[in-house]
Amino acid sequence: MTETQKKSLDDLVREELGAEPSQEAKDYARLLYERYRLPEAPGTAGEDAAAGE
């Protein structure tokens, strides 16, 4: 995994804005993430589940 994939969405927003984002900015970022994220590649769902244990 790359460093970007390891960061949470909130961390990425903070990094981009340079400060703690407002709740409105967080909600908007989440909306964009959900709308435009790429589908997971086959086989990655099982790896993520195993890594969480």
PDB file of N, CA and C in Angstrom:
ATOM      1  N   MET A   1       0.826  -1.185   0.000  1.00  0.00           N
ATOM      2  CA  MET A   1       0.000   0.000   0.000  1.00  0.00           C
ATOM      3  C   MET A   1       0.869   1.246   0.000  1.00  0.00           C
ATOM      4  N   THR A   2       0.408   2.272  -0.668  1.00  0.00           N
ATOM      5  CA  THR A   2       1.157   3.519  -0.662  1.00  0.00           C
ATOM      6  C   THR A   2       0.800   4.328   0.572  1.00  0.00           C
ATOM      7  N   GLU A   3       1.581   5.351   0.842  1.00  0.00           N
ATOM      8  CA  GLU A   3       1.338   6.201   2.010  1.00  0.00           C
ATOM      9  C   GLU A   3      -0.038   6.855   1.935  1.00  0.00           C
ATOM     10  N   THR A   4      -0.451   7.275   0.751  1.00  0.00           N
ATOM     11  CA  THR A   4      -1.752   7.915   0.577  1.00  0.00           C
ATOM     12  C   THR A   4      -2.880   6.958   0.920  1.00  0.00           C
ATOM     13  N   GLN A   5      -2.765   5.702   0.556  1.00  0.00           N
ATOM     14  CA  GLN A   5      -3.809   4.729   0.846  1.00  0.00           C
ATOM     15  C   GLN A   5      -3.927   4.468   2.340  1.00  0.00           C
ATOM     16  N   LYS A   6      -2.858   4.663   3.093  1.00  0.00           N
ATOM     17  CA  LYS A   6      -2.868   4.409   4.522  1.00  0.00           C
ATOM     18  C   LYS A   6      -3.496   5.565   5.303  1.00  0.00           C
ATOM     19  N   LYS A   7      -3.507   6.759   4.725  1.00  0.00           N
ATOM     20  CA  LYS A   7      -4.046   7.924   5.410  1.00  0.00           C
ATOM     21  C   LYS A   7      -5.565   7.907   5.383  1.00  0.00           C
ATOM     22  N   SER A   8      -6.154   8.418   6.442  1.00  0.00           N
ATOM     23  CA  SER A   8      -7.609   8.527   6.475  1.00  0.00           C
ATOM     24  C   SER A   8      -8.039   9.729   5.642  1.00  0.00           C
ATOM     25  N   LEU A   9      -9.300   9.755   5.303  1.00  0.00           N
ATOM     26  CA  LEU A   9      -9.831  10.879   4.536  1.00  0.00           C
ATOM     27  C   LEU A   9      -9.652  12.182   5.306  1.00  0.00           C
ATOM     28  N   ASP A  10      -9.875  12.167   6.614  1.00  0.00           N
ATOM     29  CA  ASP A  10      -9.693  13.371   7.427  1.00  0.00           C
ATOM     30  C   ASP A  10      -8.247  13.857   7.373  1.00  0.00           C
ATOM     31  N   ASP A  11      -7.288  12.934   7.421  1.00  0.00           N
ATOM     32  CA  ASP A  11      -5.876  13.310   7.341  1.00  0.00           C
ATOM     33  C   ASP A  11      -5.557  13.972   6.007  1.00  0.00           C
ATOM     34  N   LEU A  12      -6.119  13.434   4.935  1.00  0.00           N
ATOM     35  CA  LEU A  12      -5.879  14.012   3.616  1.00  0.00           C
ATOM     36  C   LEU A  12      -6.468  15.413   3.506  1.00  0.00           C
ATOM     37  N   VAL A  13      -7.654  15.620   4.080  1.00  0.00           N
ATOM     38  CA  VAL A  13      -8.272  16.951   4.057  1.00  0.00           C
ATOM     39  C   VAL A  13      -7.431  17.928   4.865  1.00  0.00           C
ATOM     40  N   ARG A  14      -6.973  17.514   6.056  1.00  0.00           N
ATOM     41  CA  ARG A  14      -6.126  18.384   6.881  1.00  0.00           C
ATOM     42  C   ARG A  14      -4.847  18.760   6.144  1.00  0.00           C
ATOM     43  N   GLU A  15      -4.249  17.785   5.485  1.00  0.00           N
ATOM     44  CA  GLU A  15      -3.006  18.025   4.751  1.00  0.00           C
ATOM     45  C   GLU A  15      -3.226  19.036   3.628  1.00  0.00           C
ATOM     46  N   GLU A  16      -4.339  18.907   2.935  1.00  0.00           N
ATOM     47  CA  GLU A  16      -4.635  19.800   1.812  1.00  0.00           C
ATOM     48  C   GLU A  16      -4.952  21.211   2.295  1.00  0.00           C
ATOM     49  N   LEU A  17      -5.716  21.332   3.374  1.00  0.00           N
ATOM     50  CA  LEU A  17      -6.139  22.648   3.858  1.00  0.00           C
ATOM     51  C   LEU A  17      -5.110  23.298   4.776  1.00  0.00           C
ATOM     52  N   GLY A  18      -4.254  22.497   5.378  1.00  0.00           N
ATOM     53  CA  GLY A  18      -3.249  23.044   6.277  1.00  0.00           C
ATOM     54  C   GLY A  18      -3.789  23.362   7.664  1.00  0.00           C
ATOM     55  N   ALA A  19      -5.002  22.981   7.961  1.00  0.00           N
ATOM     56  CA  ALA A  19      -5.605  23.237   9.270  1.00  0.00           C
ATOM     57  C   ALA A  19      -6.743  22.253   9.486  1.00  0.00           C
ATOM     58  N   GLU A  20      -7.344  22.318  10.660  1.00  0.00           N
ATOM     59  CA  GLU A  20      -8.490  21.458  10.959  1.00  0.00           C
ATOM     60  C   GLU A  20      -9.679  21.924  10.125  1.00  0.00           C
ATOM     61  N   PRO A  21     -10.220  21.045   9.293  1.00  0.00           N
ATOM     62  CA  PRO A  21     -11.347  21.438   8.443  1.00  0.00           C
ATOM     63  C   PRO A  21     -12.647  21.541   9.239  1.00  0.00           C
ATOM     64  N   SER A  22     -13.557  22.354   8.737  1.00  0.00           N
ATOM     65  CA  SER A  22     -14.876  22.453   9.357  1.00  0.00           C
ATOM     66  C   SER A  22     -15.645  21.159   9.109  1.00  0.00           C
ATOM     67  N   GLN A  23     -16.705  20.955   9.855  1.00  0.00           N
ATOM     68  CA  GLN A  23     -17.529  19.765   9.645  1.00  0.00           C
ATOM     69  C   GLN A  23     -18.123  19.784   8.247  1.00  0.00           C
ATOM     70  N   GLU A  24     -18.471  20.966   7.760  1.00  0.00           N
ATOM     71  CA  GLU A  24     -19.021  21.087   6.406  1.00  0.00           C
ATOM     72  C   GLU A  24     -17.998  20.625   5.363  1.00  0.00           C
ATOM     73  N   ALA A  25     -16.734  20.999   5.553  1.00  0.00           N
ATOM     74  CA  ALA A  25     -15.683  20.576   4.625  1.00  0.00           C
ATOM     75  C   ALA A  25     -15.477  19.061   4.691  1.00  0.00           C
ATOM     76  N   LYS A  26     -15.530  18.502   5.898  1.00  0.00           N
ATOM     77  CA  LYS A  26     -15.384  17.050   6.052  1.00  0.00           C
ATOM     78  C   LYS A  26     -16.528  16.312   5.358  1.00  0.00           C
ATOM     79  N   ASP A  27     -17.747  16.822   5.548  1.00  0.00           N
ATOM     80  CA  ASP A  27     -18.913  16.189   4.926  1.00  0.00           C
ATOM     81  C   ASP A  27     -18.816  16.242   3.407  1.00  0.00           C
ATOM     82  N   TYR A  28     -18.367  17.380   2.880  1.00  0.00           N
ATOM     83  CA  TYR A  28     -18.238  17.537   1.437  1.00  0.00           C
ATOM     84  C   TYR A  28     -17.148  16.607   0.890  1.00  0.00           C
ATOM     85  N   ALA A  29     -16.037  16.501   1.600  1.00  0.00           N
ATOM     86  CA  ALA A  29     -14.961  15.603   1.178  1.00  0.00           C
ATOM     87  C   ALA A  29     -15.439  14.156   1.171  1.00  0.00           C
ATOM     88  N   ARG A  30     -16.218  13.779   2.183  1.00  0.00           N
ATOM     89  CA  ARG A  30     -16.752  12.417   2.250  1.00  0.00           C
ATOM     90  C   ARG A  30     -17.688  12.161   1.072  1.00  0.00           C
ATOM     91  N   LEU A  31     -18.537  13.143   0.748  1.00  0.00           N
ATOM     92  CA  LEU A  31     -19.454  13.023  -0.382  1.00  0.00           C
ATOM     93  C   LEU A  31     -18.681  12.806  -1.685  1.00  0.00           C
ATOM     94  N   LEU A  32     -17.643  13.607  -1.902  1.00  0.00           N
ATOM     95  CA  LEU A  32     -16.834  13.458  -3.116  1.00  0.00           C
ATOM     96  C   LEU A  32     -16.117  12.112  -3.143  1.00  0.00           C
ATOM     97  N   TYR A  33     -15.588  11.691  -1.999  1.00  0.00           N
ATOM     98  CA  TYR A  33     -14.896  10.401  -1.918  1.00  0.00           C
ATOM     99  C   TYR A  33     -15.838   9.265  -2.290  1.00  0.00           C
ATOM    100  N   GLU A  34     -17.026   9.269  -1.710  1.00  0.00           N
ATOM    101  CA  GLU A  34     -17.989   8.207  -1.989  1.00  0.00           C
ATOM    102  C   GLU A  34     -18.424   8.220  -3.454  1.00  0.00           C
ATOM    103  N   ARG A  35     -18.549   9.398  -4.022  1.00  0.00           N
ATOM    104  CA  ARG A  35     -19.025   9.519  -5.400  1.00  0.00           C
ATOM    105  C   ARG A  35     -17.969   9.085  -6.416  1.00  0.00           C
ATOM    106  N   TYR A  36     -16.711   9.432  -6.172  1.00  0.00           N
ATOM    107  CA  TYR A  36     -15.687   9.251  -7.205  1.00  0.00           C
ATOM    108  C   TYR A  36     -14.637   8.189  -6.906  1.00  0.00           C
ATOM    109  N   ARG A  37     -14.755   7.473  -5.792  1.00  0.00           N
ATOM    110  CA  ARG A  37     -13.728   6.465  -5.502  1.00  0.00           C
ATOM    111  C   ARG A  37     -13.781   5.344  -6.536  1.00  0.00           C
ATOM    112  N   LEU A  38     -12.621   4.776  -6.773  1.00  0.00           N
ATOM    113  CA  LEU A  38     -12.517   3.678  -7.725  1.00  0.00           C
ATOM    114  C   LEU A  38     -12.974   2.392  -7.059  1.00  0.00           C
ATOM    115  N   PRO A  39     -13.569   1.494  -7.821  1.00  0.00           N
ATOM    116  CA  PRO A  39     -13.941   0.201  -7.241  1.00  0.00           C
ATOM    117  C   PRO A  39     -12.683  -0.559  -6.826  1.00  0.00           C
ATOM    118  N   GLU A  40     -12.821  -1.379  -5.795  1.00  0.00           N
ATOM    119  CA  GLU A  40     -11.677  -2.159  -5.330  1.00  0.00           C
ATOM    120  C   GLU A  40     -11.285  -3.189  -6.371  1.00  0.00           C
ATOM    121  N   ALA A  41      -9.985  -3.412  -6.481  1.00  0.00           N
ATOM    122  CA  ALA A  41      -9.484  -4.430  -7.394  1.00  0.00           C
ATOM    123  C   ALA A  41      -9.848  -5.803  -6.835  1.00  0.00           C
ATOM    124  N   PRO A  42     -10.093  -6.775  -7.694  1.00  0.00           N
ATOM    125  CA  PRO A  42     -10.419  -8.126  -7.219  1.00  0.00           C
ATOM    126  C   PRO A  42      -9.312  -8.662  -6.312  1.00  0.00           C
ATOM    127  N   GLY A  43      -9.716  -9.258  -5.203  1.00  0.00           N
ATOM    128  CA  GLY A  43      -8.737  -9.854  -4.298  1.00  0.00           C
ATOM    129  C   GLY A  43      -8.279  -8.940  -3.183  1.00  0.00           C
ATOM    130  N   THR A  44      -8.588  -7.654  -3.227  1.00  0.00           N
ATOM    131  CA  THR A  44      -8.117  -6.758  -2.173  1.00  0.00           C
ATOM    132  C   THR A  44      -9.016  -6.788  -0.953  1.00  0.00           C
ATOM    133  N   ALA A  45     -10.280  -7.123  -1.103  1.00  0.00           N
ATOM    134  CA  ALA A  45     -11.203  -7.139   0.033  1.00  0.00           C
ATOM    135  C   ALA A  45     -10.756  -8.167   1.069  1.00  0.00           C
ATOM    136  N   GLY A  46     -10.323  -9.323   0.648  1.00  0.00           N
ATOM    137  CA  GLY A  46      -9.856 -10.348   1.569  1.00  0.00           C
ATOM    138  C   GLY A  46      -8.582  -9.949   2.284  1.00  0.00           C
ATOM    139  N   GLU A  47      -7.698  -9.250   1.608  1.00  0.00           N
ATOM    140  CA  GLU A  47      -6.464  -8.796   2.221  1.00  0.00           C
ATOM    141  C   GLU A  47      -6.748  -7.762   3.299  1.00  0.00           C
ATOM    142  N   ASP A  48      -7.680  -6.840   3.038  1.00  0.00           N
ATOM    143  CA  ASP A  48      -8.021  -5.817   4.012  1.00  0.00           C
ATOM    144  C   ASP A  48      -8.630  -6.440   5.260  1.00  0.00           C
ATOM    145  N   ALA A  49      -9.492  -7.419   5.080  1.00  0.00           N
ATOM    146  CA  ALA A  49     -10.135  -8.076   6.210  1.00  0.00           C
ATOM    147  C   ALA A  49      -9.095  -8.812   7.055  1.00  0.00           C
ATOM    148  N   ALA A  50      -8.148  -9.464   6.421  1.00  0.00           N
ATOM    149  CA  ALA A  50      -7.113 -10.197   7.145  1.00  0.00           C
ATOM    150  C   ALA A  50      -6.180  -9.238   7.885  1.00  0.00           C
ATOM    151  N   ALA A  51      -5.915  -8.081   7.306  1.00  0.00           N
ATOM    152  CA  ALA A  51      -5.022  -7.111   7.932  1.00  0.00           C
ATOM    153  C   ALA A  51      -5.655  -6.493   9.170  1.00  0.00           C
ATOM    154  N   GLY A  52      -6.983  -6.418   9.219  1.00  0.00           N
ATOM    155  CA  GLY A  52      -7.665  -5.816  10.350  1.00  0.00           C
ATOM    156  C   GLY A  52      -7.727  -6.699  11.577  1.00  0.00           C
ATOM    157  N   GLU A  53      -7.387  -7.954  11.450  1.00  0.00           N
ATOM    158  CA  GLU A  53      -7.476  -8.874  12.592  1.00  0.00           C
ATOM    159  C   GLU A  53      -6.230  -8.852  13.430  1.00  0.00           C
TER     160      GLU A  53
END
